[in-house]
C-alpha atoms as a PDB file:
ATOM      1  CA  UNK A   1     126.438  36.371  90.579  1.00  0.00           C
ATOM      2  CA  UNK A   2     126.805  39.629  88.649  1.00  0.00           C
ATOM      3  CA  UNK A   3     128.954  42.241  90.380  1.00  0.00           C
ATOM      4  CA  UNK A   4     129.798  45.729  89.197  1.00  0.00           C
ATOM      5  CA  UNK A   5     133.278  46.684  90.397  1.00  0.00           C
ATOM      6  CA  UNK A   6     134.539  50.269  90.388  1.00  0.00           C
ATOM      7  CA  UNK A   7     138.290  50.590  90.864  1.00  0.00           C
ATOM      8  CA  UNK A   8     140.840  48.129  89.523  1.00  0.00           C
ATOM      9  CA  UNK A   9     143.873  49.171  91.556  1.00  0.00           C
ATOM     10  CA  UNK A  10     145.918  46.814  93.696  1.00  0.00           C
ATOM     11  CA  UNK A  11     143.013  45.834  95.943  1.00  0.00           C
ATOM     12  CA  UNK A  12     140.176  46.130  93.446  1.00  0.00           C
ATOM     13  CA  UNK A  13     142.078  44.358  90.693  1.00  0.00           C
ATOM     14  CA  UNK A  14     142.974  41.427  92.921  1.00  0.00           C
ATOM     15  CA  UNK A  15     139.387  41.231  94.138  1.00  0.00           C
ATOM     16  CA  UNK A  16     138.204  41.094  90.541  1.00  0.00           C
ATOM     17  CA  UNK A  17     140.535  38.177  89.830  1.00  0.00           C
ATOM     18  CA  UNK A  18     139.493  36.282  92.954  1.00  0.00           C
ATOM     19  CA  UNK A  19     135.796  36.741  92.187  1.00  0.00           C
ATOM     20  CA  UNK A  20     136.247  35.704  88.551  1.00  0.00           C
ATOM     21  CA  UNK A  21     138.086  32.542  89.648  1.00  0.00           C
ATOM     22  CA  UNK A  22     135.145  31.789  91.953  1.00  0.00           C
ATOM     23  CA  UNK A  23     132.778  31.906  88.962  1.00  0.00           C
ATOM     24  CA  UNK A  24     131.232  35.336  89.371  1.00  0.00           C
ATOM     25  CA  UNK A  25     130.492  37.612  86.415  1.00  0.00           C
ATOM     26  CA  UNK A  26     132.500  40.778  87.099  1.00  0.00           C
ATOM     27  CA  UNK A  27     131.836  43.976  85.198  1.00  0.00           C
ATOM     28  CA  UNK A  28     134.690  46.347  85.930  1.00  0.00           C
ATOM     29  CA  UNK A  29     135.362  50.045  85.480  1.00  0.00           C
ATOM     30  CA  UNK A  30     138.566  52.024  86.000  1.00  0.00           C
ATOM     31  CA  UNK A  31     139.604  55.563  85.152  1.00  0.00           C
ATOM     32  CA  UNK A  32     141.748  54.446  82.218  1.00  0.00           C
ATOM     33  CA  UNK A  33     140.801  52.272  79.258  1.00  0.00           C
ATOM     34  CA  UNK A  34     144.230  50.612  79.459  1.00  0.00           C
ATOM     35  CA  UNK A  35     143.523  49.266  82.931  1.00  0.00           C
ATOM     36  CA  UNK A  36     140.105  47.913  81.948  1.00  0.00           C
ATOM     37  CA  UNK A  37     141.565  46.245  78.847  1.00  0.00           C
ATOM     38  CA  UNK A  38     144.282  44.574  80.921  1.00  0.00           C
ATOM     39  CA  UNK A  39     141.704  42.925  83.172  1.00  0.00           C
ATOM     40  CA  UNK A  40     139.513  41.919  80.250  1.00  0.00           C
ATOM     41  CA  UNK A  41     142.304  39.490  79.378  1.00  0.00           C
ATOM     42  CA  UNK A  42     141.696  37.883  82.793  1.00  0.00           C
ATOM     43  CA  UNK A  43     137.983  37.362  82.234  1.00  0.00           C
ATOM     44  CA  UNK A  44     136.581  40.723  83.313  1.00  0.00           C
ATOM     45  CA  UNK A  45     133.725  42.274  81.342  1.00  0.00           C
ATOM     46  CA  UNK A  46     134.913  45.784  80.641  1.00  0.00           C
ATOM     47  CA  UNK A  47     132.922  48.954  81.211  1.00  0.00           C
ATOM     48  CA  UNK A  48     134.217  52.292  79.925  1.00  0.00           C
ATOM     49  CA  UNK A  49     131.870  54.592  81.808  1.00  0.00           C
ATOM     50  CA  UNK A  50     129.789  54.354  84.960  1.00  0.00           C
ATOM     51  CA  UNK A  51     126.628  54.331  82.861  1.00  0.00           C
ATOM     52  CA  UNK A  52     128.056  51.453  80.806  1.00  0.00           C
ATOM     53  CA  UNK A  53     128.870  49.539  83.994  1.00  0.00           C
ATOM     54  CA  UNK A  54     125.378  49.919  85.472  1.00  0.00           C
ATOM     55  CA  UNK A  55     123.710  48.805  82.218  1.00  0.00           C
ATOM     56  CA  UNK A  56     125.790  45.612  82.113  1.00  0.00           C
ATOM     57  CA  UNK A  57     124.988  44.439  85.667  1.00  0.00           C
ATOM     58  CA  UNK A  58     121.821  42.397  86.168  1.00  0.00           C
ATOM     59  CA  UNK A  59     119.060  43.668  88.484  1.00  0.00           C
ATOM     60  CA  UNK A  60     119.113  44.071  91.429  1.00  0.00           C
ATOM     61  CA  UNK A  61     122.624  45.395  91.027  1.00  0.00           C
ATOM     62  CA  UNK A  62     125.418  44.984  93.583  1.00  0.00           C
ATOM     63  CA  UNK A  63     127.989  47.720  92.874  1.00  0.00           C
ATOM     64  CA  UNK A  64     131.278  47.346  94.762  1.00  0.00           C
ATOM     65  CA  UNK A  65     133.470  50.445  95.086  1.00  0.00           C
ATOM     66  CA  UNK A  66     137.175  49.909  95.715  1.00  0.00           C
ATOM     67  CA  UNK A  67     138.317  53.512  95.554  1.00  0.00           C
ATOM     68  CA  UNK A  68     140.125  55.901  97.933  1.00  0.00           C
ATOM     69  CA  UNK A  69     138.145  57.219 100.893  1.00  0.00           C
ATOM     70  CA  UNK A  70     136.855  60.783 100.905  1.00  0.00           C
ATOM     71  CA  UNK A  71     135.481  62.976  98.174  1.00  0.00           C
ATOM     72  CA  UNK A  72     136.067  60.369  95.458  1.00  0.00           C
ATOM     73  CA  UNK A  73     133.404  58.147  97.061  1.00  0.00           C
ATOM     74  CA  UNK A  74     130.858  60.981  97.125  1.00  0.00           C
ATOM     75  CA  UNK A  75     131.668  61.909  93.515  1.00  0.00           C
ATOM     76  CA  UNK A  76     131.247  58.312  92.390  1.00  0.00           C
ATOM     77  CA  UNK A  77     127.930  57.888  94.192  1.00  0.00           C
ATOM     78  CA  UNK A  78     126.598  61.150  92.754  1.00  0.00           C
ATOM     79  CA  UNK A  79     127.688  60.118  89.247  1.00  0.00           C
ATOM     80  CA  UNK A  80     125.977  56.722  89.613  1.00  0.00           C
ATOM     81  CA  UNK A  81     122.671  57.976  91.016  1.00  0.00           C
ATOM     82  CA  UNK A  82     120.981  58.792  87.665  1.00  0.00           C
ATOM     83  CA  UNK A  83     121.496  55.192  86.504  1.00  0.00           C
ATOM     84  CA  UNK A  84     120.589  53.224  89.624  1.00  0.00           C
ATOM     85  CA  UNK A  85     117.212  51.641  90.406  1.00  0.00           C
ATOM     86  CA  UNK A  86     115.357  50.995  93.628  1.00  0.00           C
ATOM     87  CA  UNK A  87     116.678  47.762  95.126  1.00  0.00           C
ATOM     88  CA  UNK A  88     120.248  48.219  93.918  1.00  0.00           C
ATOM     89  CA  UNK A  89     123.032  47.896  96.497  1.00  0.00           C
ATOM     90  CA  UNK A  90     126.103  50.095  96.828  1.00  0.00           C
ATOM     91  CA  UNK A  91     129.034  48.427  98.610  1.00  0.00           C
ATOM     92  CA  UNK A  92     131.922  50.545  99.896  1.00  0.00           C
ATOM     93  CA  UNK A  93     134.942  48.280 100.370  1.00  0.00           C
ATOM     94  CA  UNK A  94     137.402  51.125 100.929  1.00  0.00           C
ATOM     95  CA  UNK A  95     138.653  52.727 104.134  1.00  0.00           C
ATOM     96  CA  UNK A  96     135.884  55.300 104.499  1.00  0.00           C
ATOM     97  CA  UNK A  97     135.262  57.098 107.789  1.00  0.00           C
ATOM     98  CA  UNK A  98     132.246  55.433 109.377  1.00  0.00           C
ATOM     99  CA  UNK A  99     130.478  58.765 109.970  1.00  0.00           C
ATOM    100  CA  UNK A 100     130.684  59.483 106.228  1.00  0.00           C
ATOM    101  CA  UNK A 101     129.242  56.020 105.641  1.00  0.00           C
ATOM    102  CA  UNK A 102     126.247  56.782 107.872  1.00  0.00           C
ATOM    103  CA  UNK A 103     125.633  60.035 105.981  1.00  0.00           C
ATOM    104  CA  UNK A 104     125.826  58.360 102.569  1.00  0.00           C
ATOM    105  CA  UNK A 105     123.580  55.478 103.610  1.00  0.00           C
ATOM    106  CA  UNK A 106     120.878  57.901 104.746  1.00  0.00           C
ATOM    107  CA  UNK A 107     120.864  59.726 101.406  1.00  0.00           C
ATOM    108  CA  UNK A 108     120.756  56.493  99.394  1.00  0.00           C
ATOM    109  CA  UNK A 109     117.993  54.994 101.548  1.00  0.00           C
ATOM    110  CA  UNK A 110     115.742  57.891 100.541  1.00  0.00           C
ATOM    111  CA  UNK A 111     116.220  56.745  96.938  1.00  0.00           C
ATOM    112  CA  UNK A 112     115.482  53.104  97.748  1.00  0.00           C
ATOM    113  CA  UNK A 113     119.112  52.065  97.371  1.00  0.00           C
ATOM    114  CA  UNK A 114     120.829  49.992 100.054  1.00  0.00           C
ATOM    115  CA  UNK A 115     124.314  50.746 101.330  1.00  0.00           C
ATOM    116  CA  UNK A 116     126.752  48.216 102.766  1.00  0.00           C
ATOM    117  CA  UNK A 117     130.126  49.093 104.264  1.00  0.00           C
ATOM    118  CA  UNK A 118     132.901  46.513 104.172  1.00  0.00           C
ATOM    119  CA  UNK A 119     136.088  47.054 106.120  1.00  0.00           C
ATOM    120  CA  UNK A 120     138.633  45.131 104.082  1.00  0.00           C
ATOM    121  CA  UNK A 121     141.994  43.835 105.252  1.00  0.00           C
ATOM    122  CA  UNK A 122     144.455  41.642 103.413  1.00  0.00           C
ATOM    123  CA  UNK A 123     146.348  43.984 101.126  1.00  0.00           C
ATOM    124  CA  UNK A 124     148.073  42.639  98.050  1.00  0.00           C
ATOM    125  CA  UNK A 125     148.068  39.113  99.530  1.00  0.00           C
ATOM    126  CA  UNK A 126     144.279  38.944  99.447  1.00  0.00           C
ATOM    127  CA  UNK A 127     144.199  37.444  95.952  1.00  0.00           C
ATOM    128  CA  UNK A 128     145.930  34.293  97.188  1.00  0.00           C
ATOM    129  CA  UNK A 129     145.077  34.213 100.906  1.00  0.00           C
ATOM    130  CA  UNK A 130     141.626  35.803 100.882  1.00  0.00           C
ATOM    131  CA  UNK A 131     140.431  38.981 102.567  1.00  0.00           C
ATOM    132  CA  UNK A 132     139.262  39.728 106.095  1.00  0.00           C
ATOM    133  CA  UNK A 133     135.884  41.392 105.651  1.00  0.00           C
ATOM    134  CA  UNK A 134     134.096  43.347 108.378  1.00  0.00           C
ATOM    135  CA  UNK A 135     130.611  43.948 107.007  1.00  0.00           C
ATOM    136  CA  UNK A 136     128.063  46.541 108.137  1.00  0.00           C
ATOM    137  CA  UNK A 137     124.526  46.753 106.790  1.00  0.00           C
ATOM    138  CA  UNK A 138     120.956  45.527 107.052  1.00  0.00           C
ATOM    139  CA  UNK A 139     120.925  41.804 107.764  1.00  0.00           C
ATOM    140  CA  UNK A 140     118.724  40.905 104.797  1.00  0.00           C
ATOM    141  CA  UNK A 141     120.846  42.926 102.367  1.00  0.00           C
ATOM    142  CA  UNK A 142     124.131  41.473 103.650  1.00  0.00           C
ATOM    143  CA  UNK A 143     122.719  37.962 103.357  1.00  0.00           C
ATOM    144  CA  UNK A 144     121.850  38.602  99.700  1.00  0.00           C
ATOM    145  CA  UNK A 145     125.520  39.410  99.094  1.00  0.00           C
ATOM    146  CA  UNK A 146     126.804  36.292 100.875  1.00  0.00           C
ATOM    147  CA  UNK A 147     128.202  34.655  97.680  1.00  0.00           C
ATOM    148  CA  UNK A 148     130.463  37.681  97.132  1.00  0.00           C
ATOM    149  CA  UNK A 149     131.813  37.709 100.676  1.00  0.00           C
ATOM    150  CA  UNK A 150     132.278  33.929 100.805  1.00  0.00           C
ATOM    151  CA  UNK A 151     134.349  34.093  97.622  1.00  0.00           C
ATOM    152  CA  UNK A 152     136.519  36.981  98.775  1.00  0.00           C
ATOM    153  CA  UNK A 153     137.158  35.611 102.289  1.00  0.00           C
ATOM    154  CA  UNK A 154     139.843  32.998 103.112  1.00  0.00           C
ATOM    155  CA  UNK A 155     137.028  30.437 103.372  1.00  0.00           C
ATOM    156  CA  UNK A 156     133.229  30.618 103.099  1.00  0.00           C
ATOM    157  CA  UNK A 157     132.893  30.315 106.870  1.00  0.00           C
ATOM    158  CA  UNK A 158     136.072  32.107 107.972  1.00  0.00           C
ATOM    159  CA  UNK A 159     137.453  35.637 107.878  1.00  0.00           C
ATOM    160  CA  UNK A 160     134.231  37.516 107.227  1.00  0.00           C
ATOM    161  CA  UNK A 161     130.986  38.392 108.930  1.00  0.00           C
ATOM    162  CA  UNK A 162     128.274  40.956 109.441  1.00  0.00           C
ATOM    163  CA  UNK A 163     129.503  42.843 112.497  1.00  0.00           C
ATOM    164  CA  UNK A 164     126.506  45.145 112.850  1.00  0.00           C
ATOM    165  CA  UNK A 165     124.272  47.732 111.136  1.00  0.00           C
ATOM    166  CA  UNK A 166     125.381  50.266 108.539  1.00  0.00           C
ATOM    167  CA  UNK A 167     128.609  51.960 109.623  1.00  0.00           C
ATOM    168  CA  UNK A 168     129.747  49.097 111.847  1.00  0.00           C
ATOM    169  CA  UNK A 169     132.026  47.606 109.197  1.00  0.00           C
ATOM    170  CA  UNK A 170     134.046  50.752 108.689  1.00  0.00           C
ATOM    171  CA  UNK A 171     134.087  51.445 112.437  1.00  0.00           C
ATOM    172  CA  UNK A 172     135.590  48.027 113.188  1.00  0.00           C
ATOM    173  CA  UNK A 173     138.117  48.426 110.357  1.00  0.00           C
ATOM    174  CA  UNK A 174     139.135  51.824 111.771  1.00  0.00           C
ATOM    175  CA  UNK A 175     139.919  50.195 115.115  1.00  0.00           C
ATOM    176  CA  UNK A 176     141.668  47.316 113.313  1.00  0.00           C
ATOM    177  CA  UNK A 177     144.016  49.774 111.625  1.00  0.00           C
ATOM    178  CA  UNK A 178     144.696  51.551 114.907  1.00  0.00           C
ATOM    179  CA  UNK A 179     145.762  48.217 116.407  1.00  0.00           C
ATOM    180  CA  UNK A 180     147.922  47.614 113.325  1.00  0.00           C
ATOM    181  CA  UNK A 181     149.708  50.932 113.945  1.00  0.00           C
ATOM    182  CA  UNK A 182     150.578  49.814 117.475  1.00  0.00           C
ATOM    183  CA  UNK A 183     151.784  46.363 116.415  1.00  0.00           C
ATOM    184  CA  UNK A 184     153.984  47.775 113.658  1.00  0.00           C
ATOM    185  CA  UNK A 185     155.476  50.307 116.056  1.00  0.00           C
ATOM    186  CA  UNK A 186     156.248  47.624 118.641  1.00  0.00           C
ATOM    187  CA  UNK A 187     158.025  45.410 116.101  1.00  0.00           C
ATOM    188  CA  UNK A 188     159.979  48.393 114.753  1.00  0.00           C
ATOM    189  CA  UNK A 189     161.129  49.455 118.225  1.00  0.00           C
ATOM    190  CA  UNK A 190     162.058  45.911 119.229  1.00  0.00           C
ATOM    191  CA  UNK A 191     164.232  45.275 116.204  1.00  0.00           C
ATOM    192  CA  UNK A 192     165.810  48.728 116.578  1.00  0.00           C
ATOM    193  CA  UNK A 193     166.924  47.701 120.077  1.00  0.00           C
ATOM    194  CA  UNK A 194     168.362  44.443 118.761  1.00  0.00           C
ATOM    195  CA  UNK A 195     170.216  46.249 115.968  1.00  0.00           C
ATOM    196  CA  UNK A 196     171.664  48.771 118.405  1.00  0.00           C
ATOM    197  CA  UNK A 197     173.119  46.076 120.726  1.00  0.00           C
ATOM    198  CA  UNK A 198     176.490  45.566 119.039  1.00  0.00           C
ATOM    199  CA  UNK A 199     177.987  43.393 121.813  1.00  0.00           C
ATOM    200  CA  UNK A 200     176.272  40.187 120.673  1.00  0.00           C
ATOM    201  CA  UNK A 201     176.500  40.570 116.876  1.00  0.00           C
ATOM    202  CA  UNK A 202     172.833  39.628 116.560  1.00  0.00           C
ATOM    203  CA  UNK A 203     171.240  38.508 113.278  1.00  0.00           C
ATOM    204  CA  UNK A 204     167.907  40.327 112.964  1.00  0.00           C
ATOM    205  CA  UNK A 205     166.480  38.022 110.293  1.00  0.00           C
ATOM    206  CA  UNK A 206     167.417  34.914 112.265  1.00  0.00           C
ATOM    207  CA  UNK A 207     165.662  36.291 115.347  1.00  0.00           C
ATOM    208  CA  UNK A 208     162.560  37.176 113.347  1.00  0.00           C
ATOM    209  CA  UNK A 209     162.473  33.613 111.993  1.00  0.00           C
ATOM    210  CA  UNK A 210     162.767  32.179 115.511  1.00  0.00           C
ATOM    211  CA  UNK A 211     159.946  34.404 116.731  1.00  0.00           C
ATOM    212  CA  UNK A 212     157.740  33.374 113.811  1.00  0.00           C
ATOM    213  CA  UNK A 213     157.402  29.785 115.035  1.00  0.00           C
ATOM    214  CA  UNK A 214     155.955  29.014 118.453  1.00  0.00           C
ATOM    215  CA  UNK A 215     156.500  32.505 119.849  1.00  0.00           C
ATOM    216  CA  UNK A 216     153.620  34.246 121.557  1.00  0.00           C
ATOM    217  CA  UNK A 217     154.249  37.329 119.349  1.00  0.00           C
ATOM    218  CA  UNK A 218     154.120  35.476 116.029  1.00  0.00           C
ATOM    219  CA  UNK A 219     151.846  37.124 113.440  1.00  0.00           C
ATOM    220  CA  UNK A 220     151.466  37.888 109.757  1.00  0.00           C
ATOM    221  CA  UNK A 221     153.070  41.268 110.379  1.00  0.00           C
ATOM    222  CA  UNK A 222     156.073  39.440 111.829  1.00  0.00           C
ATOM    223  CA  UNK A 223     156.171  37.240 108.712  1.00  0.00           C
ATOM    224  CA  UNK A 224     156.429  40.363 106.562  1.00  0.00           C
ATOM    225  CA  UNK A 225     159.024  41.857 108.947  1.00  0.00           C
ATOM    226  CA  UNK A 226     161.157  38.747 108.548  1.00  0.00           C
ATOM    227  CA  UNK A 227     160.968  38.986 104.756  1.00  0.00           C
ATOM    228  CA  UNK A 228     162.040  42.634 104.877  1.00  0.00           C
ATOM    229  CA  UNK A 229     164.984  41.842 107.161  1.00  0.00           C
ATOM    230  CA  UNK A 230     166.096  39.053 104.825  1.00  0.00           C
ATOM    231  CA  UNK A 231     166.100  41.465 101.904  1.00  0.00           C
ATOM    232  CA  UNK A 232     167.601  44.523 103.588  1.00  0.00           C
ATOM    233  CA  UNK A 233     168.326  44.253 107.315  1.00  0.00           C
ATOM    234  CA  UNK A 234     170.076  47.654 107.383  1.00  0.00           C
ATOM    235  CA  UNK A 235     167.060  49.323 105.724  1.00  0.00           C
ATOM    236  CA  UNK A 236     169.510  50.973 103.333  1.00  0.00           C
ATOM    237  CA  UNK A 237     167.757  53.294 100.909  1.00  0.00           C
ATOM    238  CA  UNK A 238     164.505  53.359 102.906  1.00  0.00           C
ATOM    239  CA  UNK A 239     163.592  56.945 103.890  1.00  0.00           C
ATOM    240  CA  UNK A 240     162.404  57.250 107.525  1.00  0.00           C
ATOM    241  CA  UNK A 241     159.094  58.768 106.427  1.00  0.00           C
ATOM    242  CA  UNK A 242     155.976  56.891 107.546  1.00  0.00           C
ATOM    243  CA  UNK A 243     152.639  57.748 105.950  1.00  0.00           C
ATOM    244  CA  UNK A 244     149.207  57.263 107.472  1.00  0.00           C
ATOM    245  CA  UNK A 245     146.011  56.847 105.493  1.00  0.00           C
ATOM    246  CA  UNK A 246     143.689  58.362 108.077  1.00  0.00           C
ATOM    247  CA  UNK A 247     142.219  55.432 110.000  1.00  0.00           C
ATOM    248  CA  UNK A 248     144.719  55.760 112.873  1.00  0.00           C
ATOM    249  CA  UNK A 249     143.766  59.404 113.335  1.00  0.00           C
ATOM    250  CA  UNK A 250     140.064  58.539 113.301  1.00  0.00           C
ATOM    251  CA  UNK A 251     140.675  55.791 115.878  1.00  0.00           C
ATOM    252  CA  UNK A 252     142.440  58.257 118.190  1.00  0.00           C
ATOM    253  CA  UNK A 253     139.643  60.823 117.796  1.00  0.00           C
ATOM    254  CA  UNK A 254     137.071  58.125 118.545  1.00  0.00           C
ATOM    255  CA  UNK A 255     138.945  56.996 121.646  1.00  0.00           C
ATOM    256  CA  UNK A 256     138.844  60.572 122.940  1.00  0.00           C
ATOM    257  CA  UNK A 257     135.118  60.866 122.178  1.00  0.00           C
ATOM    258  CA  UNK A 258     134.474  57.577 124.019  1.00  0.00           C
ATOM    259  CA  UNK A 259     136.691  58.491 126.993  1.00  0.00           C
ATOM    260  CA  UNK A 260     138.837  55.439 126.253  1.00  0.00           C
ATOM    261  CA  UNK A 261     142.567  55.517 127.023  1.00  0.00           C
ATOM    262  CA  UNK A 262     144.408  54.334 123.902  1.00  0.00           C
ATOM    263  CA  UNK A 263     148.040  55.362 124.574  1.00  0.00           C
ATOM    264  CA  UNK A 264     149.710  52.772 122.317  1.00  0.00           C
ATOM    265  CA  UNK A 265     147.619  53.620 119.258  1.00  0.00           C
ATOM    266  CA  UNK A 266     147.964  57.346 119.962  1.00  0.00           C
ATOM    267  CA  UNK A 267     151.744  57.227 120.407  1.00  0.00           C
ATOM    268  CA  UNK A 268     152.187  55.094 117.291  1.00  0.00           C
ATOM    269  CA  UNK A 269     150.305  57.745 115.304  1.00  0.00           C
ATOM    270  CA  UNK A 270     152.438  60.527 116.817  1.00  0.00           C
ATOM    271  CA  UNK A 271     155.568  58.556 115.921  1.00  0.00           C
ATOM    272  CA  UNK A 272     154.458  58.481 112.289  1.00  0.00           C
ATOM    273  CA  UNK A 273     153.918  62.231 112.355  1.00  0.00           C
ATOM    274  CA  UNK A 274     157.365  62.764 113.915  1.00  0.00           C
ATOM    275  CA  UNK A 275     158.960  60.799 111.082  1.00  0.00           C
ATOM    276  CA  UNK A 276     157.924  63.572 108.677  1.00  0.00           C
ATOM    277  CA  UNK A 277     159.544  66.437 110.586  1.00  0.00           C
ATOM    278  CA  UNK A 278     162.508  67.064 108.292  1.00  0.00           C
ATOM    279  CA  UNK A 279     163.654  70.206 110.103  1.00  0.00           C
ATOM    280  CA  UNK A 280     163.531  68.730 113.598  1.00  0.00           C
ATOM    281  CA  UNK A 281     162.587  72.198 114.831  1.00  0.00           C
ATOM    282  CA  UNK A 282     160.690  70.956 117.881  1.00  0.00           C
ATOM    283  CA  UNK A 283     163.743  68.935 118.994  1.00  0.00           C
ATOM    284  CA  UNK A 284     165.976  71.954 118.410  1.00  0.00           C
ATOM    285  CA  UNK A 285     163.751  74.127 120.586  1.00  0.00           C
ATOM    286  CA  UNK A 286     163.582  71.386 123.223  1.00  0.00           C
ATOM    287  CA  UNK A 287     167.396  71.200 123.331  1.00  0.00           C
ATOM    288  CA  UNK A 288     167.623  74.982 123.665  1.00  0.00           C
ATOM    289  CA  UNK A 289     165.111  75.003 126.536  1.00  0.00           C
ATOM    290  CA  UNK A 290     166.957  72.152 128.291  1.00  0.00           C
ATOM    291  CA  UNK A 291     170.193  74.106 128.029  1.00  0.00           C
ATOM    292  CA  UNK A 292     168.467  77.258 129.280  1.00  0.00           C
ATOM    293  CA  UNK A 293     167.594  75.488 132.527  1.00  0.00           C
ATOM    294  CA  UNK A 294     170.961  73.931 133.257  1.00  0.00           C
ATOM    295  CA  UNK A 295     171.372  71.215 130.655  1.00  0.00           C
ATOM    296  CA  UNK A 296     174.566  70.361 128.860  1.00  0.00           C
ATOM    297  CA  UNK A 297     175.931  73.062 126.512  1.00  0.00           C
ATOM    298  CA  UNK A 298     174.557  72.764 122.987  1.00  0.00           C
ATOM    299  CA  UNK A 299     177.074  71.376 120.550  1.00  0.00           C
ATOM    300  CA  UNK A 300     177.159  73.338 117.296  1.00  0.00           C
ATOM    301  CA  UNK A 301     175.958  71.459 114.209  1.00  0.00           C
ATOM    302  CA  UNK A 302     178.616  70.552 111.666  1.00  0.00           C
END
């Protein structure tokens, strides 16, 4: 089927390739002509403006946005509105906050345009392995998009599904990313303990490989951990600065709103924030307070 795709970055570009290989007609737009031209060589039909993209997609149009969450989504929707028709479908495959999704869907519904939110997981491996797709939207609208989701997923009947009404897809993906924070933190802490135990001269990569097969904690994240340890077990040259893209924060806020205890997700988020404290001022003050109340004398910094 015809699909308009906005955003040809790492995720969007790989999605374009996977959909093209599945036989779909993909009309793609990116901010730079160079990017669009590069994907035209892979079978993409290029569009060099949003108006151009809309004109090239057959009615009723499914328009898939693979762009960063936040204001860029609102700007894109506003820019598209003059060219869209009643019955068209906007699909947000990015990591938007589900409350923003509900707001956008309400505005578009007044114009006769459907909105579908797709929480997407799979990263750069999605091109080969397929994507996990958590879809929110009206049942009839989601069903009309089934060929797209079946092509993007690991298999037509695996790795994707309509999880609920509009907003549900991004809500479930938010929780998914919160769980991911906790899993990553647990692996990082475990291997830090192993590295610190000098008595046994342990091989971190070997242990990761053992855990990968048959272990109850085997996972795709562990697969990637093993690869990293094979390449650079000392993590030499890797700055201890961990970013977060927002979903973990939203998950923590939601847990508080729902009166749900989520200590692992919350602490994993706090750990990421601590990694960015270059001055260590809070630890300095903590040491000073400990000393004030009878702790060990503070050793001067060299």
